[in-house]
Amino acid sequence: MPAVTAENPLTLPRVAAPATRAGQEPARPRPVLNVTTAPSGLEGEGFPVRRA
């Protein structure tokens, strides 16, 4: 998808709030199931990094 550039970003139209889906309830936040951390390692001069 190409990037859009505007000279004045204040002239861009606002994005509407999420609407209800066809005949269903409005979208609602979902619970977090789990949090995962990336594996850690050392890079270059020995400084720690986390990469997925």
C-alpha atoms as a PDB file:
ATOM      1  CA  MET A   1       0.000   0.000   0.000  1.00  0.00           C
ATOM      2  CA  PRO A   2       1.569   3.339  -0.938  1.00  0.00           C
ATOM      3  CA  ALA A   3       2.254   5.939   1.715  1.00  0.00           C
ATOM      4  CA  VAL A   4       0.103   9.051   1.737  1.00  0.00           C
ATOM      5  CA  THR A   5       1.750  12.414   2.270  1.00  0.00           C
ATOM      6  CA  ALA A   6      -0.186  15.588   2.934  1.00  0.00           C
ATOM      7  CA  GLU A   7       1.265  19.087   3.082  1.00  0.00           C
ATOM      8  CA  ASN A   8      -0.953  19.849   6.072  1.00  0.00           C
ATOM      9  CA  PRO A   9      -1.983  16.737   8.044  1.00  0.00           C
ATOM     10  CA  LEU A  10      -4.752  18.742   9.721  1.00  0.00           C
ATOM     11  CA  THR A  11      -6.662  18.717   6.413  1.00  0.00           C
ATOM     12  CA  LEU A  12      -6.995  14.911   6.428  1.00  0.00           C
ATOM     13  CA  PRO A  13     -10.444  13.544   7.358  1.00  0.00           C
ATOM     14  CA  ARG A  14     -10.829  11.943  10.783  1.00  0.00           C
ATOM     15  CA  VAL A  15     -11.122   8.171  11.056  1.00  0.00           C
ATOM     16  CA  ALA A  16     -14.544   7.180  12.320  1.00  0.00           C
ATOM     17  CA  ALA A  17     -14.990   5.072  15.444  1.00  0.00           C
ATOM     18  CA  PRO A  18     -15.454   1.336  14.810  1.00  0.00           C
ATOM     19  CA  ALA A  19     -19.036   0.687  13.768  1.00  0.00           C
ATOM     20  CA  THR A  20     -21.107  -2.341  14.620  1.00  0.00           C
ATOM     21  CA  ARG A  21     -20.626  -5.322  12.369  1.00  0.00           C
ATOM     22  CA  ALA A  22     -23.559  -6.384  10.224  1.00  0.00           C
ATOM     23  CA  GLY A  23     -26.285  -7.054  12.779  1.00  0.00           C
ATOM     24  CA  GLN A  24     -23.853  -7.926  15.569  1.00  0.00           C
ATOM     25  CA  GLU A  25     -22.687  -6.240  18.757  1.00  0.00           C
ATOM     26  CA  PRO A  26     -19.971  -3.589  18.513  1.00  0.00           C
ATOM     27  CA  ALA A  27     -16.361  -4.739  18.671  1.00  0.00           C
ATOM     28  CA  ARG A  28     -15.024  -4.992  22.211  1.00  0.00           C
ATOM     29  CA  PRO A  29     -11.533  -5.441  23.663  1.00  0.00           C
ATOM     30  CA  ARG A  30     -10.303  -9.022  23.964  1.00  0.00           C
ATOM     31  CA  PRO A  31      -8.435 -10.369  26.995  1.00  0.00           C
ATOM     32  CA  VAL A  32      -4.693 -11.049  26.855  1.00  0.00           C
ATOM     33  CA  LEU A  33      -4.053 -14.796  26.759  1.00  0.00           C
ATOM     34  CA  ASN A  34      -0.308 -14.729  27.506  1.00  0.00           C
ATOM     35  CA  VAL A  35       2.804 -12.581  27.243  1.00  0.00           C
ATOM     36  CA  THR A  36       5.878 -14.017  25.557  1.00  0.00           C
ATOM     37  CA  THR A  37       9.427 -12.668  25.633  1.00  0.00           C
ATOM     38  CA  ALA A  38      11.899 -13.028  22.798  1.00  0.00           C
ATOM     39  CA  PRO A  39      15.009 -15.166  23.192  1.00  0.00           C
ATOM     40  CA  SER A  40      17.985 -13.226  24.514  1.00  0.00           C
ATOM     41  CA  GLY A  41      21.542 -13.345  23.277  1.00  0.00           C
ATOM     42  CA  LEU A  42      24.727 -11.334  22.906  1.00  0.00           C
ATOM     43  CA  GLU A  43      25.639  -9.370  19.822  1.00  0.00           C
ATOM     44  CA  GLY A  44      28.686  -7.599  18.468  1.00  0.00           C
ATOM     45  CA  GLU A  45      30.762  -6.343  21.368  1.00  0.00           C
ATOM     46  CA  GLY A  46      28.830  -8.516  23.798  1.00  0.00           C
ATOM     47  CA  PHE A  47      25.835  -6.313  24.541  1.00  0.00           C
ATOM     48  CA  PRO A  48      22.544  -8.092  25.283  1.00  0.00           C
ATOM     49  CA  VAL A  49      19.733  -8.110  22.685  1.00  0.00           C
ATOM     50  CA  ARG A  50      16.309  -9.748  22.355  1.00  0.00           C
ATOM     51  CA  ARG A  51      15.256 -10.980  18.926  1.00  0.00           C
ATOM     52  CA  ALA A  52      12.178 -12.848  17.814  1.00  0.00           C
END
